[in-house]
Amino acid sequence: TINWPIPHNRPINLPTYPFQHQRYWPALAAIRPVDAVSIGLGAAGHPLLGAAVELAGTDTHLFTSLLSLHSHPWLADHAVAGTVLLPGTGFLELALQAGHHV
């Protein structure tokens, strides 16, 4: 049991066996898309880019997104040795869209 300050100030039990399979991450059903504008970011206007923001005091822009099999099921078609990868054309599209936005 750990008693450091955590949300709601209650102790939590950690697994004592290293291979005790218990998930501590939220289920995919609990993950909801966030509206970028509602949290102060600009909408990127592209299905692969979620949000865009200009960093204060600089000429730098930051683009962010969540790419997963849950949000983009077509990624499953791009697996190499059982690992899903974003295809090279996806990286090119992200770079082109970021350049166009800037």
PDB file of N, CA and C in Angstrom:
ATOM      1  N   THR A   1       0.839  -1.178   0.000  1.00  0.00           N
ATOM      2  CA  THR A   1       0.000   0.000   0.000  1.00  0.00           C
ATOM      3  C   THR A   1       0.881   1.236   0.000  1.00  0.00           C
ATOM      4  N   ILE A   2       0.496   2.204  -0.815  1.00  0.00           N
ATOM      5  CA  ILE A   2       1.228   3.459  -0.897  1.00  0.00           C
ATOM      6  C   ILE A   2       0.357   4.557  -0.310  1.00  0.00           C
ATOM      7  N   ASN A   3       0.951   5.417   0.502  1.00  0.00           N
ATOM      8  CA  ASN A   3       0.176   6.462   1.166  1.00  0.00           C
ATOM      9  C   ASN A   3       0.628   7.867   0.799  1.00  0.00           C
ATOM     10  N   TRP A   4       1.189   8.066  -0.415  1.00  0.00           N
ATOM     11  CA  TRP A   4       1.563   9.433  -0.788  1.00  0.00           C
ATOM     12  C   TRP A   4       0.324  10.178  -1.238  1.00  0.00           C
ATOM     13  N   PRO A   5       0.429  11.495  -1.390  1.00  0.00           N
ATOM     14  CA  PRO A   5      -0.762  12.248  -1.820  1.00  0.00           C
ATOM     15  C   PRO A   5      -1.199  11.844  -3.222  1.00  0.00           C
ATOM     16  N   ILE A   6      -2.353  11.298  -3.312  1.00  0.00           N
ATOM     17  CA  ILE A   6      -2.962  10.915  -4.585  1.00  0.00           C
ATOM     18  C   ILE A   6      -4.377  11.471  -4.591  1.00  0.00           C
ATOM     19  N   PRO A   7      -5.020  11.487  -5.773  1.00  0.00           N
ATOM     20  CA  PRO A   7      -6.396  12.010  -5.800  1.00  0.00           C
ATOM     21  C   PRO A   7      -7.275  11.350  -4.744  1.00  0.00           C
ATOM     22  N   HIS A   8      -8.052  12.120  -4.081  1.00  0.00           N
ATOM     23  CA  HIS A   8      -9.009  11.696  -3.059  1.00  0.00           C
ATOM     24  C   HIS A   8      -8.319  11.203  -1.790  1.00  0.00           C
ATOM     25  N   ASN A   9      -6.987  11.343  -1.698  1.00  0.00           N
ATOM     26  CA  ASN A   9      -6.227  11.020  -0.488  1.00  0.00           C
ATOM     27  C   ASN A   9      -6.576   9.663   0.113  1.00  0.00           C
ATOM     28  N   ARG A  10      -6.645   8.656  -0.708  1.00  0.00           N
ATOM     29  CA  ARG A  10      -6.892   7.312  -0.175  1.00  0.00           C
ATOM     30  C   ARG A  10      -5.797   6.380  -0.670  1.00  0.00           C
ATOM     31  N   PRO A  11      -5.360   5.461   0.155  1.00  0.00           N
ATOM     32  CA  PRO A  11      -4.289   4.542  -0.260  1.00  0.00           C
ATOM     33  C   PRO A  11      -4.776   3.582  -1.345  1.00  0.00           C
ATOM     34  N   ILE A  12      -3.847   3.168  -2.188  1.00  0.00           N
ATOM     35  CA  ILE A  12      -4.168   2.188  -3.219  1.00  0.00           C
ATOM     36  C   ILE A  12      -3.262   0.980  -3.046  1.00  0.00           C
ATOM     37  N   ASN A  13      -3.752  -0.163  -3.412  1.00  0.00           N
ATOM     38  CA  ASN A  13      -2.962  -1.389  -3.346  1.00  0.00           C
ATOM     39  C   ASN A  13      -2.308  -1.633  -4.688  1.00  0.00           C
ATOM     40  N   LEU A  14      -1.019  -1.880  -4.678  1.00  0.00           N
ATOM     41  CA  LEU A  14      -0.287  -2.206  -5.890  1.00  0.00           C
ATOM     42  C   LEU A  14      -0.095  -3.716  -5.951  1.00  0.00           C
ATOM     43  N   PRO A  15       0.020  -4.280  -7.167  1.00  0.00           N
ATOM     44  CA  PRO A  15       0.217  -5.721  -7.258  1.00  0.00           C
ATOM     45  C   PRO A  15       1.554  -6.124  -6.641  1.00  0.00           C
ATOM     46  N   THR A  16       1.546  -7.219  -5.923  1.00  0.00           N
ATOM     47  CA  THR A  16       2.779  -7.709  -5.298  1.00  0.00           C
ATOM     48  C   THR A  16       3.463  -8.754  -6.172  1.00  0.00           C
ATOM     49  N   TYR A  17       2.723  -9.362  -7.054  1.00  0.00           N
ATOM     50  CA  TYR A  17       3.277 -10.360  -7.964  1.00  0.00           C
ATOM     51  C   TYR A  17       3.544  -9.668  -9.291  1.00  0.00           C
ATOM     52  N   PRO A  18       4.763  -9.761  -9.850  1.00  0.00           N
ATOM     53  CA  PRO A  18       5.098  -8.979 -11.041  1.00  0.00           C
ATOM     54  C   PRO A  18       4.274  -9.308 -12.277  1.00  0.00           C
ATOM     55  N   PHE A  19       3.682 -10.479 -12.336  1.00  0.00           N
ATOM     56  CA  PHE A  19       2.922 -10.846 -13.523  1.00  0.00           C
ATOM     57  C   PHE A  19       1.431 -10.897 -13.249  1.00  0.00           C
ATOM     58  N   GLN A  20       1.015 -10.190 -12.215  1.00  0.00           N
ATOM     59  CA  GLN A  20      -0.405 -10.097 -11.906  1.00  0.00           C
ATOM     60  C   GLN A  20      -1.037  -9.170 -12.934  1.00  0.00           C
ATOM     61  N   HIS A  21      -1.865  -9.719 -13.783  1.00  0.00           N
ATOM     62  CA  HIS A  21      -2.415  -8.960 -14.905  1.00  0.00           C
ATOM     63  C   HIS A  21      -3.661  -8.207 -14.474  1.00  0.00           C
ATOM     64  N   GLN A  22      -3.455  -6.945 -14.137  1.00  0.00           N
ATOM     65  CA  GLN A  22      -4.562  -6.067 -13.791  1.00  0.00           C
ATOM     66  C   GLN A  22      -4.316  -4.751 -14.505  1.00  0.00           C
ATOM     67  N   ARG A  23      -5.288  -4.319 -15.279  1.00  0.00           N
ATOM     68  CA  ARG A  23      -5.133  -3.092 -16.057  1.00  0.00           C
ATOM     69  C   ARG A  23      -5.484  -1.885 -15.203  1.00  0.00           C
ATOM     70  N   TYR A  24      -4.650  -0.861 -15.287  1.00  0.00           N
ATOM     71  CA  TYR A  24      -4.877   0.370 -14.542  1.00  0.00           C
ATOM     72  C   TYR A  24      -5.227   1.539 -15.465  1.00  0.00           C
ATOM     73  N   TRP A  25      -5.300   1.296 -16.767  1.00  0.00           N
ATOM     74  CA  TRP A  25      -5.594   2.341 -17.737  1.00  0.00           C
ATOM     75  C   TRP A  25      -7.080   2.363 -18.021  1.00  0.00           C
ATOM     76  N   PRO A  26      -7.629   3.514 -18.402  1.00  0.00           N
ATOM     77  CA  PRO A  26      -9.058   3.571 -18.713  1.00  0.00           C
ATOM     78  C   PRO A  26      -9.394   2.706 -19.926  1.00  0.00           C
ATOM     79  N   ALA A  27     -10.570   2.158 -19.916  1.00  0.00           N
ATOM     80  CA  ALA A  27     -11.027   1.345 -21.039  1.00  0.00           C
ATOM     81  C   ALA A  27     -11.231   2.233 -22.256  1.00  0.00           C
ATOM     82  N   LEU A  28     -11.106   1.663 -23.444  1.00  0.00           N
ATOM     83  CA  LEU A  28     -11.274   2.441 -24.665  1.00  0.00           C
ATOM     84  C   LEU A  28     -12.643   3.103 -24.728  1.00  0.00           C
ATOM     85  N   ALA A  29     -13.647   2.449 -24.186  1.00  0.00           N
ATOM     86  CA  ALA A  29     -14.992   3.019 -24.215  1.00  0.00           C
ATOM     87  C   ALA A  29     -15.055   4.298 -23.383  1.00  0.00           C
ATOM     88  N   ALA A  30     -14.179   4.448 -22.396  1.00  0.00           N
ATOM     89  CA  ALA A  30     -14.192   5.623 -21.536  1.00  0.00           C
ATOM     90  C   ALA A  30     -13.459   6.805 -22.170  1.00  0.00           C
ATOM     91  N   ILE A  31     -12.668   6.552 -23.203  1.00  0.00           N
ATOM     92  CA  ILE A  31     -11.916   7.622 -23.853  1.00  0.00           C
ATOM     93  C   ILE A  31     -12.830   8.309 -24.858  1.00  0.00           C
ATOM     94  N   ARG A  32     -13.012   9.601 -24.655  1.00  0.00           N
ATOM     95  CA  ARG A  32     -13.869  10.378 -25.547  1.00  0.00           C
ATOM     96  C   ARG A  32     -13.029  11.428 -26.247  1.00  0.00           C
ATOM     97  N   PRO A  33     -13.359  11.743 -27.489  1.00  0.00           N
ATOM     98  CA  PRO A  33     -12.629  12.818 -28.155  1.00  0.00           C
ATOM     99  C   PRO A  33     -12.879  14.152 -27.454  1.00  0.00           C
ATOM    100  N   VAL A  34     -11.856  14.979 -27.422  1.00  0.00           N
ATOM    101  CA  VAL A  34     -11.952  16.281 -26.782  1.00  0.00           C
ATOM    102  C   VAL A  34     -12.029  17.349 -27.861  1.00  0.00           C
ATOM    103  N   ASP A  35     -12.928  18.289 -27.692  1.00  0.00           N
ATOM    104  CA  ASP A  35     -13.044  19.407 -28.607  1.00  0.00           C
ATOM    105  C   ASP A  35     -11.874  20.349 -28.346  1.00  0.00           C
ATOM    106  N   ALA A  36     -10.979  20.501 -29.335  1.00  0.00           N
ATOM    107  CA  ALA A  36      -9.763  21.288 -29.166  1.00  0.00           C
ATOM    108  C   ALA A  36     -10.068  22.735 -28.816  1.00  0.00           C
ATOM    109  N   VAL A  37     -11.088  23.303 -29.406  1.00  0.00           N
ATOM    110  CA  VAL A  37     -11.414  24.708 -29.170  1.00  0.00           C
ATOM    111  C   VAL A  37     -11.843  24.927 -27.724  1.00  0.00           C
ATOM    112  N   SER A  38     -12.534  23.956 -27.127  1.00  0.00           N
ATOM    113  CA  SER A  38     -13.022  24.119 -25.759  1.00  0.00           C
ATOM    114  C   SER A  38     -11.897  24.146 -24.731  1.00  0.00           C
ATOM    115  N   ILE A  39     -10.715  23.675 -25.087  1.00  0.00           N
ATOM    116  CA  ILE A  39      -9.587  23.715 -24.148  1.00  0.00           C
ATOM    117  C   ILE A  39      -8.538  24.737 -24.575  1.00  0.00           C
ATOM    118  N   GLY A  40      -8.913  25.659 -25.446  1.00  0.00           N
ATOM    119  CA  GLY A  40      -8.047  26.768 -25.805  1.00  0.00           C
ATOM    120  C   GLY A  40      -7.110  26.522 -26.971  1.00  0.00           C
ATOM    121  N   LEU A  41      -7.305  25.445 -27.693  1.00  0.00           N
ATOM    122  CA  LEU A  41      -6.479  25.160 -28.858  1.00  0.00           C
ATOM    123  C   LEU A  41      -7.264  25.470 -30.123  1.00  0.00           C
ATOM    124  N   GLY A  42      -6.551  25.686 -31.204  1.00  0.00           N
ATOM    125  CA  GLY A  42      -7.205  25.909 -32.485  1.00  0.00           C
ATOM    126  C   GLY A  42      -7.457  24.595 -33.189  1.00  0.00           C
ATOM    127  N   ALA A  43      -8.569  24.496 -33.871  1.00  0.00           N
ATOM    128  CA  ALA A  43      -8.866  23.293 -34.641  1.00  0.00           C
ATOM    129  C   ALA A  43      -7.954  23.242 -35.855  1.00  0.00           C
ATOM    130  N   ALA A  44      -7.359  22.081 -36.107  1.00  0.00           N
ATOM    131  CA  ALA A  44      -6.445  21.938 -37.236  1.00  0.00           C
ATOM    132  C   ALA A  44      -7.194  21.720 -38.543  1.00  0.00           C
ATOM    133  N   GLY A  45      -8.443  21.280 -38.471  1.00  0.00           N
ATOM    134  CA  GLY A  45      -9.241  21.105 -39.676  1.00  0.00           C
ATOM    135  C   GLY A  45      -8.787  19.959 -40.557  1.00  0.00           C
ATOM    136  N   HIS A  46      -8.247  18.911 -39.970  1.00  0.00           N
ATOM    137  CA  HIS A  46      -7.765  17.757 -40.730  1.00  0.00           C
ATOM    138  C   HIS A  46      -8.028  16.505 -39.917  1.00  0.00           C
ATOM    139  N   PRO A  47      -8.427  15.395 -40.560  1.00  0.00           N
ATOM    140  CA  PRO A  47      -8.767  14.192 -39.792  1.00  0.00           C
ATOM    141  C   PRO A  47      -7.587  13.554 -39.053  1.00  0.00           C
ATOM    142  N   LEU A  48      -6.360  13.820 -39.466  1.00  0.00           N
ATOM    143  CA  LEU A  48      -5.212  13.256 -38.762  1.00  0.00           C
ATOM    144  C   LEU A  48      -4.626  14.207 -37.722  1.00  0.00           C
ATOM    145  N   LEU A  49      -4.947  15.482 -37.811  1.00  0.00           N
ATOM    146  CA  LEU A  49      -4.454  16.468 -36.852  1.00  0.00           C
ATOM    147  C   LEU A  49      -5.608  16.918 -35.965  1.00  0.00           C
ATOM    148  N   GLY A  50      -5.430  16.801 -34.673  1.00  0.00           N
ATOM    149  CA  GLY A  50      -6.512  17.143 -33.769  1.00  0.00           C
ATOM    150  C   GLY A  50      -6.559  18.601 -33.391  1.00  0.00           C
ATOM    151  N   ALA A  51      -5.391  19.216 -33.151  1.00  0.00           N
ATOM    152  CA  ALA A  51      -5.378  20.592 -32.675  1.00  0.00           C
ATOM    153  C   ALA A  51      -4.088  21.275 -33.092  1.00  0.00           C
ATOM    154  N   ALA A  52      -4.156  22.595 -33.131  1.00  0.00           N
ATOM    155  CA  ALA A  52      -2.994  23.413 -33.472  1.00  0.00           C
ATOM    156  C   ALA A  52      -2.955  24.602 -32.529  1.00  0.00           C
ATOM    157  N   VAL A  53      -1.757  24.996 -32.135  1.00  0.00           N
ATOM    158  CA  VAL A  53      -1.602  26.157 -31.264  1.00  0.00           C
ATOM    159  C   VAL A  53      -0.274  26.827 -31.587  1.00  0.00           C
ATOM    160  N   GLU A  54      -0.280  28.156 -31.561  1.00  0.00           N
ATOM    161  CA  GLU A  54       0.962  28.902 -31.724  1.00  0.00           C
ATOM    162  C   GLU A  54       1.521  29.147 -30.335  1.00  0.00           C
ATOM    163  N   LEU A  55       2.776  28.752 -30.110  1.00  0.00           N
ATOM    164  CA  LEU A  55       3.383  28.906 -28.797  1.00  0.00           C
ATOM    165  C   LEU A  55       3.631  30.385 -28.515  1.00  0.00           C
ATOM    166  N   ALA A  56       3.297  30.801 -27.327  1.00  0.00           N
ATOM    167  CA  ALA A  56       3.368  32.213 -26.948  1.00  0.00           C
ATOM    168  C   ALA A  56       4.790  32.749 -27.050  1.00  0.00           C
ATOM    169  N   GLY A  57       4.913  33.931 -27.625  1.00  0.00           N
ATOM    170  CA  GLY A  57       6.195  34.606 -27.696  1.00  0.00           C
ATOM    171  C   GLY A  57       7.166  34.047 -28.706  1.00  0.00           C
ATOM    172  N   THR A  58       6.725  33.148 -29.563  1.00  0.00           N
ATOM    173  CA  THR A  58       7.603  32.551 -30.570  1.00  0.00           C
ATOM    174  C   THR A  58       6.874  32.484 -31.902  1.00  0.00           C
ATOM    175  N   ASP A  59       7.607  32.106 -32.920  1.00  0.00           N
ATOM    176  CA  ASP A  59       6.992  31.840 -34.222  1.00  0.00           C
ATOM    177  C   ASP A  59       6.803  30.340 -34.411  1.00  0.00           C
ATOM    178  N   THR A  60       6.715  29.612 -33.311  1.00  0.00           N
ATOM    179  CA  THR A  60       6.622  28.150 -33.343  1.00  0.00           C
ATOM    180  C   THR A  60       5.172  27.707 -33.224  1.00  0.00           C
ATOM    181  N   HIS A  61       4.805  26.705 -33.988  1.00  0.00           N
ATOM    182  CA  HIS A  61       3.470  26.118 -33.922  1.00  0.00           C
ATOM    183  C   HIS A  61       3.586  24.687 -33.417  1.00  0.00           C
ATOM    184  N   LEU A  62       2.571  24.258 -32.678  1.00  0.00           N
ATOM    185  CA  LEU A  62       2.517  22.899 -32.150  1.00  0.00           C
ATOM    186  C   LEU A  62       1.238  22.245 -32.661  1.00  0.00           C
ATOM    187  N   PHE A  63       1.386  21.061 -33.225  1.00  0.00           N
ATOM    188  CA  PHE A  63       0.246  20.288 -33.715  1.00  0.00           C
ATOM    189  C   PHE A  63       0.178  18.999 -32.923  1.00  0.00           C
ATOM    190  N   THR A  64      -1.012  18.579 -32.578  1.00  0.00           N
ATOM    191  CA  THR A  64      -1.171  17.365 -31.797  1.00  0.00           C
ATOM    192  C   THR A  64      -2.382  16.580 -32.282  1.00  0.00           C
ATOM    193  N   SER A  65      -2.372  15.289 -31.992  1.00  0.00           N
ATOM    194  CA  SER A  65      -3.485  14.435 -32.377  1.00  0.00           C
ATOM    195  C   SER A  65      -3.361  13.097 -31.664  1.00  0.00           C
ATOM    196  N   LEU A  66      -4.394  12.321 -31.741  1.00  0.00           N
ATOM    197  CA  LEU A  66      -4.385  10.959 -31.224  1.00  0.00           C
ATOM    198  C   LEU A  66      -4.676  10.028 -32.387  1.00  0.00           C
ATOM    199  N   LEU A  67      -3.692   9.222 -32.734  1.00  0.00           N
ATOM    200  CA  LEU A  67      -3.867   8.218 -33.793  1.00  0.00           C
ATOM    201  C   LEU A  67      -3.866   6.858 -33.132  1.00  0.00           C
ATOM    202  N   SER A  68      -4.961   6.147 -33.248  1.00  0.00           N
ATOM    203  CA  SER A  68      -5.060   4.820 -32.658  1.00  0.00           C
ATOM    204  C   SER A  68      -5.966   3.955 -33.522  1.00  0.00           C
ATOM    205  N   LEU A  69      -5.937   2.672 -33.273  1.00  0.00           N
ATOM    206  CA  LEU A  69      -6.829   1.768 -33.998  1.00  0.00           C
ATOM    207  C   LEU A  69      -8.287   2.055 -33.659  1.00  0.00           C
ATOM    208  N   HIS A  70      -8.519   2.589 -32.469  1.00  0.00           N
ATOM    209  CA  HIS A  70      -9.884   2.911 -32.063  1.00  0.00           C
ATOM    210  C   HIS A  70     -10.426   4.101 -32.860  1.00  0.00           C
ATOM    211  N   SER A  71      -9.591   5.120 -33.066  1.00  0.00           N
ATOM    212  CA  SER A  71     -10.045   6.306 -33.786  1.00  0.00           C
ATOM    213  C   SER A  71      -9.851   6.201 -35.297  1.00  0.00           C
ATOM    214  N   HIS A  72      -8.882   5.409 -35.739  1.00  0.00           N
ATOM    215  CA  HIS A  72      -8.583   5.245 -37.162  1.00  0.00           C
ATOM    216  C   HIS A  72      -8.405   3.746 -37.467  1.00  0.00           C
ATOM    217  N   PRO A  73      -9.501   2.998 -37.604  1.00  0.00           N
ATOM    218  CA  PRO A  73      -9.413   1.542 -37.782  1.00  0.00           C
ATOM    219  C   PRO A  73      -8.624   1.112 -39.018  1.00  0.00           C
ATOM    220  N   TRP A  74      -8.504   1.969 -40.025  1.00  0.00           N
ATOM    221  CA  TRP A  74      -7.778   1.616 -41.243  1.00  0.00           C
ATOM    222  C   TRP A  74      -6.288   1.409 -40.974  1.00  0.00           C
ATOM    223  N   LEU A  75      -5.798   1.883 -39.841  1.00  0.00           N
ATOM    224  CA  LEU A  75      -4.385   1.664 -39.511  1.00  0.00           C
ATOM    225  C   LEU A  75      -4.053   0.177 -39.365  1.00  0.00           C
ATOM    226  N   ALA A  76      -5.054  -0.643 -39.049  1.00  0.00           N
ATOM    227  CA  ALA A  76      -4.822  -2.080 -38.890  1.00  0.00           C
ATOM    228  C   ALA A  76      -4.340  -2.719 -40.183  1.00  0.00           C
ATOM    229  N   ASP A  77      -4.612  -2.084 -41.319  1.00  0.00           N
ATOM    230  CA  ASP A  77      -4.165  -2.608 -42.609  1.00  0.00           C
ATOM    231  C   ASP A  77      -2.673  -2.381 -42.842  1.00  0.00           C
ATOM    232  N   HIS A  78      -2.026  -1.649 -41.940  1.00  0.00           N
ATOM    233  CA  HIS A  78      -0.611  -1.300 -42.115  1.00  0.00           C
ATOM    234  C   HIS A  78       0.218  -1.878 -40.977  1.00  0.00           C
ATOM    235  N   ALA A  79       0.261  -3.190 -40.900  1.00  0.00           N
ATOM    236  CA  ALA A  79       1.024  -3.874 -39.856  1.00  0.00           C
ATOM    237  C   ALA A  79       2.262  -4.521 -40.454  1.00  0.00           C
ATOM    238  N   VAL A  80       3.351  -4.430 -39.721  1.00  0.00           N
ATOM    239  CA  VAL A  80       4.604  -5.078 -40.108  1.00  0.00           C
ATOM    240  C   VAL A  80       5.018  -5.961 -38.945  1.00  0.00           C
ATOM    241  N   ALA A  81       5.119  -7.254 -39.187  1.00  0.00           N
ATOM    242  CA  ALA A  81       5.488  -8.232 -38.156  1.00  0.00           C
ATOM    243  C   ALA A  81       4.594  -8.092 -36.918  1.00  0.00           C
ATOM    244  N   GLY A  82       3.312  -7.857 -37.139  1.00  0.00           N
ATOM    245  CA  GLY A  82       2.357  -7.779 -36.037  1.00  0.00           C
ATOM    246  C   GLY A  82       2.296  -6.431 -35.335  1.00  0.00           C
ATOM    247  N   THR A  83       3.089  -5.453 -35.767  1.00  0.00           N
ATOM    248  CA  THR A  83       3.084  -4.124 -35.170  1.00  0.00           C
ATOM    249  C   THR A  83       2.456  -3.135 -36.140  1.00  0.00           C
ATOM    250  N   VAL A  84       1.451  -2.415 -35.684  1.00  0.00           N
ATOM    251  CA  VAL A  84       0.768  -1.446 -36.525  1.00  0.00           C
ATOM    252  C   VAL A  84       1.618  -0.182 -36.612  1.00  0.00           C
ATOM    253  N   LEU A  85       1.835   0.283 -37.830  1.00  0.00           N
ATOM    254  CA  LEU A  85       2.646   1.470 -38.086  1.00  0.00           C
ATOM    255  C   LEU A  85       1.848   2.479 -38.910  1.00  0.00           C
ATOM    256  N   LEU A  86       2.158   3.752 -38.702  1.00  0.00           N
ATOM    257  CA  LEU A  86       1.592   4.782 -39.568  1.00  0.00           C
ATOM    258  C   LEU A  86       2.381   4.743 -40.869  1.00  0.00           C
ATOM    259  N   PRO A  87       1.710   4.598 -42.007  1.00  0.00           N
ATOM    260  CA  PRO A  87       2.444   4.524 -43.277  1.00  0.00           C
ATOM    261  C   PRO A  87       3.183   5.831 -43.569  1.00  0.00           C
ATOM    262  N   GLY A  88       4.226   5.729 -44.367  1.00  0.00           N
ATOM    263  CA  GLY A  88       5.028   6.895 -44.721  1.00  0.00           C
ATOM    264  C   GLY A  88       4.213   8.013 -45.331  1.00  0.00           C
ATOM    265  N   THR A  89       3.200   7.668 -46.111  1.00  0.00           N
ATOM    266  CA  THR A  89       2.353   8.706 -46.707  1.00  0.00           C
ATOM    267  C   THR A  89       1.571   9.460 -45.635  1.00  0.00           C
ATOM    268  N   GLY A  90       1.306   8.806 -44.497  1.00  0.00           N
ATOM    269  CA  GLY A  90       0.636   9.480 -43.384  1.00  0.00           C
ATOM    270  C   GLY A  90       1.530  10.563 -42.791  1.00  0.00           C
ATOM    271  N   PHE A  91       2.826  10.252 -42.630  1.00  0.00           N
ATOM    272  CA  PHE A  91       3.768  11.262 -42.138  1.00  0.00           C
ATOM    273  C   PHE A  91       3.888  12.418 -43.132  1.00  0.00           C
ATOM    274  N   LEU A  92       3.907  12.089 -44.413  1.00  0.00           N
ATOM    275  CA  LEU A  92       3.971  13.122 -45.443  1.00  0.00           C
ATOM    276  C   LEU A  92       2.732  14.019 -45.388  1.00  0.00           C
ATOM    277  N   GLU A  93       1.574  13.417 -45.250  1.00  0.00           N
ATOM    278  CA  GLU A  93       0.328  14.178 -45.154  1.00  0.00           C
ATOM    279  C   GLU A  93       0.333  15.092 -43.925  1.00  0.00           C
ATOM    280  N   LEU A  94       0.836  14.587 -42.775  1.00  0.00           N
ATOM    281  CA  LEU A  94       0.922  15.414 -41.578  1.00  0.00           C
ATOM    282  C   LEU A  94       1.844  16.609 -41.797  1.00  0.00           C
ATOM    283  N   ALA A  95       3.001  16.381 -42.414  1.00  0.00           N
ATOM    284  CA  ALA A  95       3.959  17.463 -42.682  1.00  0.00           C
ATOM    285  C   ALA A  95       3.366  18.493 -43.646  1.00  0.00           C
ATOM    286  N   LEU A  96       2.710  18.008 -44.710  1.00  0.00           N
ATOM    287  CA  LEU A  96       2.102  18.931 -45.666  1.00  0.00           C
ATOM    288  C   LEU A  96       0.993  19.767 -45.034  1.00  0.00           C
ATOM    289  N   GLN A  97       0.173  19.133 -44.220  1.00  0.00           N
ATOM    290  CA  GLN A  97      -0.934  19.847 -43.579  1.00  0.00           C
ATOM    291  C   GLN A  97      -0.405  20.872 -42.572  1.00  0.00           C
ATOM    292  N   ALA A  98       0.622  20.513 -41.803  1.00  0.00           N
ATOM    293  CA  ALA A  98       1.214  21.452 -40.858  1.00  0.00           C
ATOM    294  C   ALA A  98       1.819  22.638 -41.607  1.00  0.00           C
ATOM    295  N   GLY A  99       2.520  22.373 -42.705  1.00  0.00           N
ATOM    296  CA  GLY A  99       3.092  23.449 -43.513  1.00  0.00           C
ATOM    297  C   GLY A  99       2.020  24.354 -44.094  1.00  0.00           C
ATOM    298  N   HIS A 100       0.930  23.766 -44.564  1.00  0.00           N
ATOM    299  CA  HIS A 100      -0.172  24.550 -45.117  1.00  0.00           C
ATOM    300  C   HIS A 100      -0.814  25.425 -44.049  1.00  0.00           C
ATOM    301  N   HIS A 101      -0.950  24.857 -42.831  1.00  0.00           N
ATOM    302  CA  HIS A 101      -1.577  25.578 -41.728  1.00  0.00           C
ATOM    303  C   HIS A 101      -0.719  26.784 -41.314  1.00  0.00           C
ATOM    304  N   VAL A 102       0.597  26.590 -41.310  1.00  0.00           N
ATOM    305  CA  VAL A 102       1.505  27.664 -40.883  1.00  0.00           C
ATOM    306  C   VAL A 102       1.590  28.707 -41.984  1.00  0.00           C
TER     307      VAL A 102
END
